[in-house]
Amino acid sequence: MDCLIGMGRLGDAELLLRKLESTANHLGLFSEEYDVQWLESLGNFPQAFTHIGYINSVIKLLEAKGEVVRKDQDYKKLSFWEQLIPTKILLNDGEPKREVPSKKIASVLKNSMNVLRGAFFDTARSRVAYEKMKGSDAYEESIELSYSLKTMKLDDLLKREEKIAFWINLFNVMVIHAVIELNIRDSVKEVRNFFRRVCYQIGDMQFTLFEIEHGILRGNARPPHGLLKTFHKGDRRIHYSIEPIDPRIHFALVCASSSCPPIDVYTVENLDNELDISGRTFLNAGGVIIDRDSGILKISRIFKWYAKDFGETKEERIMFIAPYMYKEEDRLFMEKNAGDLKVEYQDYDWRLNRY
């Protein structure tokens, strides 16, 4: 990192930093060594020298980026701890130049991002080249559109379908926007606490991806492994929580992943059908594996993380999944044996593209 910073290759240095951060544990602590093949921490733990090197390189990178910013625009000075400790990343930090109707802004943004994904699709490698989008006219137009969210009135969204479509579209836009802006190459896991840090300002309020998913779309339900609800009682944003939960949202919030449903924009008029399509796409693209001989059903880990969103019991969750299967024999097998099947959970695929 220090060499790259010295060469002025700050983007490459930041990408290396994100990869380095992914080797820390859930408390942000580093070990002495790391096995990149087995993804295991090795040696002494925690290791002070690793943390010292990390802190020094982060400070160098922040100072180098500060010099670049000072040359081009007014530099917003942050305290040492604000620089060192992961903070929110406000993606639409700019002045709106045009006003877009509240009910259309998310779909317009989503269309803009879809244009980007199509324009930068690498046919030779069958992948979306997110790393090449920054600086393009289409990307700059999307950024400018995101500033319009600051003039939006969330109270204009009256129907349940309007609210769900808006927040799903916005969530997926934010993910793609952040992937481009943060120079993410392979997975959002390259940026620690990605979903808790990335945010948009809407009106005079800010919403992170985490808050949109759990606070809004899941009706302010507790997140997996969380002790507290996302919004406390005095939080104004709780007013926009959507209840009851529609569990199909979990299939729709994957737009920067390789299992993204073939839906350009979620619409009020066709929302129910679009959510069904997202479910069928997600579950039939490797999301469900049936081993009839062993009586084992392998399903996505989202059914473990958000188990009660899909049903109170294992049988109810299997019965929820069954109608989405393309093959009738799979559906009938699951419905007939829902009470006897043993469930195993597959690792969630965080990659932006499959190779």
Protein backbone atom coordinates (compact mmCIF):
# COMPACT_ATOMS: atom_id res chain seq x y z
CA MET A 1 0.00 0.00 0.00
CA ASP A 2 2.77 2.43 0.90
CA CYS A 3 4.51 1.78 -2.44
CA LEU A 4 1.29 2.34 -4.39
CA ILE A 5 0.59 5.55 -2.45
CA GLY A 6 4.11 6.77 -3.20
CA MET A 7 3.53 6.07 -6.91
CA GLY A 8 0.28 8.07 -6.83
CA ARG A 9 -1.84 4.97 -7.53
CA LEU A 10 -4.35 5.79 -4.81
CA GLY A 11 -7.21 3.78 -6.33
CA ASP A 12 -5.10 0.62 -6.36
CA ALA A 13 -3.91 1.36 -2.83
CA GLU A 14 -7.50 1.71 -1.59
CA LEU A 15 -8.51 -1.53 -3.32
CA LEU A 16 -5.64 -3.30 -1.55
CA LEU A 17 -6.78 -1.72 1.73
CA ARG A 18 -10.31 -3.12 1.26
CA LYS A 19 -8.90 -6.59 0.62
CA LEU A 20 -6.70 -6.27 3.69
CA GLU A 21 -9.67 -5.25 5.85
CA SER A 22 -11.55 -8.37 4.78
CA THR A 23 -8.94 -10.49 6.59
CA ALA A 24 -9.88 -9.02 10.00
CA ASN A 25 -12.35 -10.79 12.28
CA HIS A 26 -15.78 -9.46 13.27
CA LEU A 27 -14.14 -7.17 15.87
CA GLY A 28 -11.77 -5.66 13.30
CA LEU A 29 -8.71 -7.41 14.74
CA PHE A 30 -5.83 -8.74 12.63
CA SER A 31 -3.63 -11.77 13.17
CA GLU A 32 0.10 -12.06 12.48
CA GLU A 33 -0.38 -13.90 9.18
CA TYR A 34 -3.23 -14.83 6.84
CA ASP A 35 -3.70 -17.84 4.57
CA VAL A 36 -5.30 -16.53 1.36
CA GLN A 37 -6.12 -20.02 0.10
CA TRP A 38 -7.91 -21.33 3.19
CA LEU A 39 -9.03 -17.86 4.37
CA GLU A 40 -7.68 -18.49 7.85
CA SER A 41 -5.93 -16.26 10.39
CA LEU A 42 -2.55 -17.68 11.45
CA GLY A 43 0.18 -16.89 13.96
CA ASN A 44 -0.13 -14.62 16.98
CA PHE A 45 -3.52 -13.02 17.53
CA PRO A 46 -4.14 -10.17 17.79
CA GLN A 47 -0.81 -8.95 16.43
CA ALA A 48 0.23 -5.40 17.35
CA PHE A 49 2.69 -5.00 14.46
CA THR A 50 -0.04 -5.78 11.92
CA HIS A 51 -2.28 -3.11 13.43
CA ILE A 52 0.52 -0.55 13.53
CA GLY A 53 1.28 -1.14 9.84
CA TYR A 54 -2.42 -0.95 8.99
CA ILE A 55 -2.93 2.33 10.86
CA ASN A 56 0.19 3.94 9.36
CA SER A 57 -0.84 2.99 5.82
CA VAL A 58 -4.41 4.21 6.34
CA ILE A 59 -3.11 7.57 7.56
CA LYS A 60 -0.77 7.85 4.55
CA LEU A 61 -3.62 7.07 2.18
CA LEU A 62 -5.93 9.59 3.84
CA GLU A 63 -3.23 12.26 3.69
CA ALA A 64 -2.51 11.50 0.02
CA LYS A 65 -6.21 11.59 -0.88
CA GLY A 66 -6.55 14.84 1.07
CA GLU A 67 -3.81 16.43 -1.03
CA VAL A 68 -5.60 15.41 -4.24
CA VAL A 69 -8.93 16.75 -2.99
CA ARG A 70 -7.36 20.05 -1.89
CA LYS A 71 -6.08 20.63 -5.41
CA ASP A 72 -9.51 20.21 -7.00
CA GLN A 73 -12.08 21.37 -4.45
CA ASP A 74 -12.59 22.56 -0.89
CA TYR A 75 -11.31 19.88 1.45
CA LYS A 76 -13.70 18.80 4.19
CA LYS A 77 -11.43 18.32 7.16
CA LEU A 78 -12.13 15.31 9.36
CA SER A 79 -10.80 14.59 12.80
CA PHE A 80 -8.19 11.87 13.23
CA TRP A 81 -10.73 9.46 14.72
CA GLU A 82 -13.31 10.23 12.00
CA GLN A 83 -10.65 9.32 9.44
CA LEU A 84 -9.49 6.19 11.22
CA ILE A 85 -12.80 4.69 12.33
CA PRO A 86 -15.15 3.48 9.56
CA THR A 87 -17.88 6.10 9.09
CA LYS A 88 -20.89 6.50 6.83
CA ILE A 89 -20.22 6.92 3.13
CA LEU A 90 -22.73 9.43 1.74
CA LEU A 91 -22.97 8.69 -1.97
CA ASN A 92 -25.19 11.59 -3.07
CA ASP A 93 -23.20 14.36 -1.43
CA GLY A 94 -23.95 17.11 -3.94
CA GLU A 95 -26.45 19.82 -4.79
CA PRO A 96 -29.50 18.79 -6.84
CA LYS A 97 -29.62 20.43 -10.26
CA ARG A 98 -33.10 19.23 -11.23
CA GLU A 99 -36.22 18.03 -9.51
CA VAL A 100 -37.62 14.59 -10.33
CA PRO A 101 -41.13 13.59 -9.17
CA SER A 102 -40.95 11.65 -5.90
CA LYS A 103 -42.74 8.61 -7.32
CA LYS A 104 -40.37 8.36 -10.30
CA ILE A 105 -36.91 9.14 -8.91
CA ALA A 106 -35.99 5.58 -7.87
CA SER A 107 -37.11 4.04 -11.16
CA VAL A 108 -35.30 6.74 -13.16
CA LEU A 109 -32.14 6.05 -11.15
CA LYS A 110 -32.53 2.31 -11.61
CA ASN A 111 -32.93 2.75 -15.38
CA SER A 112 -29.78 4.86 -15.41
CA MET A 113 -27.81 2.16 -13.60
CA ASN A 114 -29.20 -0.50 -15.93
CA VAL A 115 -27.87 1.47 -18.88
CA LEU A 116 -24.46 1.49 -17.22
CA ARG A 117 -24.53 -2.27 -16.60
CA GLY A 118 -25.40 -2.90 -20.23
CA ALA A 119 -22.86 -0.46 -21.64
CA PHE A 120 -20.02 -1.96 -19.61
CA PHE A 121 -20.85 -5.64 -20.02
CA ASP A 122 -17.69 -7.51 -20.98
CA THR A 123 -18.96 -10.14 -23.41
CA ALA A 124 -15.58 -11.85 -23.68
CA ARG A 125 -15.57 -12.60 -19.93
CA SER A 126 -19.35 -12.63 -19.41
CA ARG A 127 -19.17 -10.11 -16.58
CA VAL A 128 -20.14 -6.53 -15.80
CA ALA A 129 -16.98 -4.39 -15.68
CA TYR A 130 -17.95 -2.15 -12.76
CA GLU A 131 -14.35 -0.98 -12.40
CA LYS A 132 -14.50 0.75 -15.81
CA MET A 133 -17.65 2.79 -15.18
CA LYS A 134 -16.22 5.62 -13.08
CA GLY A 135 -15.64 8.77 -15.10
CA SER A 136 -18.06 7.81 -17.89
CA ASP A 137 -20.78 10.26 -18.95
CA ALA A 138 -23.49 7.73 -18.04
CA TYR A 139 -22.08 7.34 -14.52
CA GLU A 140 -21.82 11.10 -14.01
CA GLU A 141 -25.46 11.41 -15.08
CA SER A 142 -26.48 8.78 -12.52
CA ILE A 143 -24.61 10.61 -9.76
CA GLU A 144 -26.34 13.86 -10.67
CA LEU A 145 -29.70 12.10 -10.58
CA SER A 146 -28.98 10.78 -7.08
CA TYR A 147 -28.64 14.37 -5.83
CA SER A 148 -32.34 14.85 -6.68
CA LEU A 149 -33.24 12.55 -3.77
CA LYS A 150 -32.54 15.51 -1.49
CA THR A 151 -35.65 17.26 -2.81
CA MET A 152 -37.86 14.19 -2.50
CA LYS A 153 -40.87 13.92 -0.19
CA LEU A 154 -41.26 10.35 1.09
CA ASP A 155 -44.81 11.15 2.22
CA ASP A 156 -45.78 11.30 -1.47
CA LEU A 157 -45.55 7.50 -1.51
CA LEU A 158 -49.00 6.46 -0.35
CA LYS A 159 -49.68 2.90 -1.51
CA ARG A 160 -47.89 -0.13 -0.09
CA GLU A 161 -46.84 -1.15 -3.62
CA GLU A 162 -45.37 2.31 -4.25
CA LYS A 163 -43.29 2.10 -1.09
CA ILE A 164 -41.97 -1.43 -1.69
CA ALA A 165 -41.08 -0.74 -5.34
CA PHE A 166 -39.37 2.54 -4.44
CA TRP A 167 -37.20 1.09 -1.67
CA ILE A 168 -36.20 -2.07 -3.59
CA ASN A 169 -35.18 0.00 -6.62
CA LEU A 170 -33.29 2.45 -4.43
CA PHE A 171 -31.49 -0.29 -2.49
CA ASN A 172 -30.22 -1.88 -5.70
CA VAL A 173 -29.18 1.50 -7.10
CA MET A 174 -27.21 2.28 -3.93
CA VAL A 175 -25.37 -1.05 -4.09
CA ILE A 176 -24.29 -0.49 -7.71
CA HIS A 177 -23.41 3.16 -7.02
CA ALA A 178 -21.22 2.13 -4.07
CA VAL A 179 -19.57 -0.72 -5.99
CA ILE A 180 -18.47 1.79 -8.65
CA GLU A 181 -17.54 4.63 -6.31
CA LEU A 182 -15.52 2.44 -3.91
CA ASN A 183 -13.67 0.61 -6.72
CA ILE A 184 -15.00 -2.79 -5.65
CA ARG A 185 -13.84 -5.51 -8.03
CA ASP A 186 -15.16 -8.84 -6.78
CA SER A 187 -17.44 -8.52 -3.76
CA VAL A 188 -19.02 -5.95 -1.44
CA LYS A 189 -17.22 -7.80 1.36
CA GLU A 190 -14.09 -5.92 0.26
CA VAL A 191 -15.45 -2.95 2.25
CA ARG A 192 -15.94 -3.67 5.92
CA ASN A 193 -19.48 -2.97 7.18
CA PHE A 194 -20.51 -2.14 3.61
CA PHE A 195 -24.26 -2.27 4.27
CA ARG A 196 -24.05 -0.21 7.48
CA ARG A 197 -21.85 2.50 5.94
CA VAL A 198 -23.17 3.18 2.45
CA CYS A 199 -26.02 5.71 2.55
CA TYR A 200 -28.15 8.17 0.58
CA GLN A 201 -29.72 11.39 1.79
CA ILE A 202 -33.45 11.52 1.07
CA GLY A 203 -35.02 14.85 1.95
CA ASP A 204 -33.33 15.82 5.22
CA MET A 205 -32.80 12.22 6.39
CA GLN A 206 -30.06 9.67 5.70
CA PHE A 207 -30.64 5.95 5.09
CA THR A 208 -27.98 3.25 4.95
CA LEU A 209 -28.50 0.01 3.04
CA PHE A 210 -28.83 -1.73 6.41
CA GLU A 211 -31.56 0.69 7.50
CA ILE A 212 -33.47 0.33 4.22
CA GLU A 213 -33.46 -3.46 4.41
CA HIS A 214 -34.24 -3.96 8.08
CA GLY A 215 -35.76 -0.67 9.18
CA ILE A 216 -37.96 -0.06 6.13
CA LEU A 217 -38.56 -3.20 4.04
CA ARG A 218 -38.60 -5.61 7.02
CA GLY A 219 -40.90 -3.42 9.11
CA ASN A 220 -38.18 -2.45 11.57
CA ALA A 221 -37.54 -6.09 12.43
CA ARG A 222 -34.41 -7.13 14.29
CA PRO A 223 -31.52 -7.91 11.94
CA PRO A 224 -29.87 -11.35 12.07
CA HIS A 225 -27.98 -11.75 15.36
CA GLY A 226 -29.17 -8.29 16.43
CA LEU A 227 -30.51 -7.54 19.89
CA LEU A 228 -32.20 -4.24 19.03
CA LYS A 229 -34.48 -3.05 16.28
CA THR A 230 -32.97 -0.82 13.60
CA PHE A 231 -34.95 2.34 14.45
CA HIS A 232 -35.68 3.37 18.03
CA LYS A 233 -39.07 4.79 19.01
CA GLY A 234 -38.04 8.41 18.63
CA ASP A 235 -36.53 7.99 15.15
CA ARG A 236 -38.54 9.85 12.49
CA ARG A 237 -37.65 7.24 9.89
CA ILE A 238 -39.71 4.57 11.66
CA HIS A 239 -42.76 6.26 10.14
CA TYR A 240 -41.75 4.79 6.75
CA SER A 241 -41.41 1.17 7.89
CA ILE A 242 -43.47 -1.25 5.79
CA GLU A 243 -45.55 -3.93 7.52
CA PRO A 244 -46.27 -6.77 7.20
CA ILE A 245 -43.03 -8.11 5.73
CA ASP A 246 -43.14 -9.49 2.20
CA PRO A 247 -40.41 -12.20 2.33
CA ARG A 248 -39.93 -12.01 -1.44
CA ILE A 249 -37.93 -8.82 -0.94
CA HIS A 250 -34.97 -11.04 0.00
CA PHE A 251 -34.86 -12.33 -3.57
CA ALA A 252 -35.09 -8.83 -5.05
CA LEU A 253 -32.23 -7.21 -3.08
CA VAL A 254 -29.45 -8.85 -5.10
CA CYS A 255 -29.05 -6.51 -8.08
CA ALA A 256 -25.24 -6.24 -7.98
CA SER A 257 -24.79 -9.98 -7.62
CA SER A 258 -24.55 -12.76 -10.17
CA SER A 259 -28.04 -13.98 -9.21
CA CYS A 260 -29.73 -10.68 -10.09
CA PRO A 261 -33.29 -11.28 -11.38
CA PRO A 262 -33.99 -10.22 -15.01
CA ILE A 263 -36.06 -7.22 -13.90
CA ASP A 264 -35.08 -3.74 -15.07
CA VAL A 265 -37.24 -1.78 -12.63
CA TYR A 266 -39.75 -2.88 -9.99
CA THR A 267 -43.08 -1.21 -10.78
CA VAL A 268 -46.24 -0.47 -8.83
CA GLU A 269 -48.46 -1.95 -11.54
CA ASN A 270 -46.70 -5.31 -11.79
CA LEU A 271 -44.94 -5.60 -8.43
CA ASP A 272 -46.48 -8.90 -7.34
CA ASN A 273 -45.47 -10.67 -10.56
CA GLU A 274 -42.00 -9.10 -10.49
CA LEU A 275 -41.37 -10.32 -6.94
CA ASP A 276 -42.49 -13.81 -7.98
CA ILE A 277 -40.03 -13.68 -10.91
CA SER A 278 -37.23 -12.63 -8.57
CA GLY A 279 -38.06 -15.59 -6.32
CA ARG A 280 -38.05 -18.10 -9.18
CA THR A 281 -34.80 -16.70 -10.56
CA PHE A 282 -33.02 -16.74 -7.23
CA LEU A 283 -34.18 -20.19 -6.15
CA ASN A 284 -33.68 -21.96 -9.48
CA ALA A 285 -30.22 -20.49 -10.13
CA GLY A 286 -28.57 -22.83 -7.65
CA GLY A 287 -30.52 -21.53 -4.65
CA VAL A 288 -32.13 -24.94 -4.05
CA ILE A 289 -30.48 -28.36 -4.40
CA ILE A 290 -32.45 -31.54 -3.71
CA ASP A 291 -30.73 -34.80 -2.77
CA ARG A 292 -33.60 -37.27 -2.96
CA ASP A 293 -31.51 -40.30 -1.95
CA SER A 294 -30.33 -38.71 1.29
CA GLY A 295 -33.48 -36.71 1.93
CA ILE A 296 -31.45 -33.49 2.14
CA LEU A 297 -32.63 -30.08 0.93
CA LYS A 298 -29.82 -27.55 0.44
CA ILE A 299 -31.09 -23.97 0.40
CA SER A 300 -29.65 -20.47 0.53
CA ARG A 301 -28.39 -19.18 3.86
CA ILE A 302 -30.94 -16.36 3.70
CA PHE A 303 -33.47 -18.94 4.93
CA LYS A 304 -31.35 -19.27 8.07
CA TRP A 305 -30.66 -15.57 8.55
CA TYR A 306 -34.30 -14.54 8.01
CA ALA A 307 -35.98 -17.82 8.93
CA LYS A 308 -39.12 -16.37 10.52
CA ASP A 309 -39.74 -14.07 7.54
CA PHE A 310 -40.51 -17.23 5.55
CA GLY A 311 -42.42 -19.18 8.18
CA GLU A 312 -42.42 -20.20 11.83
CA THR A 313 -41.34 -23.80 11.18
CA LYS A 314 -39.03 -25.67 8.81
CA GLU A 315 -42.05 -27.22 7.09
CA GLU A 316 -43.64 -23.80 6.48
CA ARG A 317 -40.41 -22.51 4.92
CA ILE A 318 -40.14 -25.51 2.60
CA MET A 319 -43.77 -25.06 1.58
CA PHE A 320 -43.02 -21.40 0.87
CA ILE A 321 -40.16 -22.35 -1.47
CA ALA A 322 -41.88 -25.22 -3.31
CA PRO A 323 -44.23 -23.21 -5.61
CA TYR A 324 -41.26 -21.30 -7.06
CA MET A 325 -39.52 -24.38 -8.43
CA TYR A 326 -39.45 -24.63 -12.23
CA LYS A 327 -39.62 -28.43 -12.26
CA GLU A 328 -42.97 -29.84 -11.17
CA GLU A 329 -41.34 -33.00 -9.83
CA ASP A 330 -39.19 -30.86 -7.49
CA ARG A 331 -42.22 -28.93 -6.28
CA LEU A 332 -44.25 -32.08 -5.64
CA PHE A 333 -41.34 -33.80 -3.89
CA MET A 334 -40.83 -30.83 -1.54
CA GLU A 335 -44.53 -30.50 -0.74
CA LYS A 336 -44.91 -34.24 -0.08
CA ASN A 337 -41.79 -34.55 2.11
CA ALA A 338 -41.68 -31.11 3.77
CA GLY A 339 -41.86 -32.62 7.25
CA ASP A 340 -39.15 -35.24 6.66
CA LEU A 341 -36.49 -33.39 4.68
CA LYS A 342 -33.26 -32.45 6.40
CA VAL A 343 -32.24 -28.86 5.63
CA GLU A 344 -28.67 -27.73 5.00
CA TYR A 345 -27.66 -24.16 4.20
CA GLN A 346 -25.43 -23.11 1.32
CA ASP A 347 -22.88 -20.31 1.67
CA TYR A 348 -24.16 -17.03 0.27
CA ASP A 349 -22.41 -16.01 -2.95
CA TRP A 350 -21.31 -12.39 -2.50
CA ARG A 351 -19.50 -12.15 -5.84
CA LEU A 352 -20.57 -9.46 -8.30
CA ASN A 353 -19.99 -11.82 -11.20
CA ARG A 354 -19.52 -15.56 -11.63
CA TYR A 355 -16.65 -16.63 -13.86
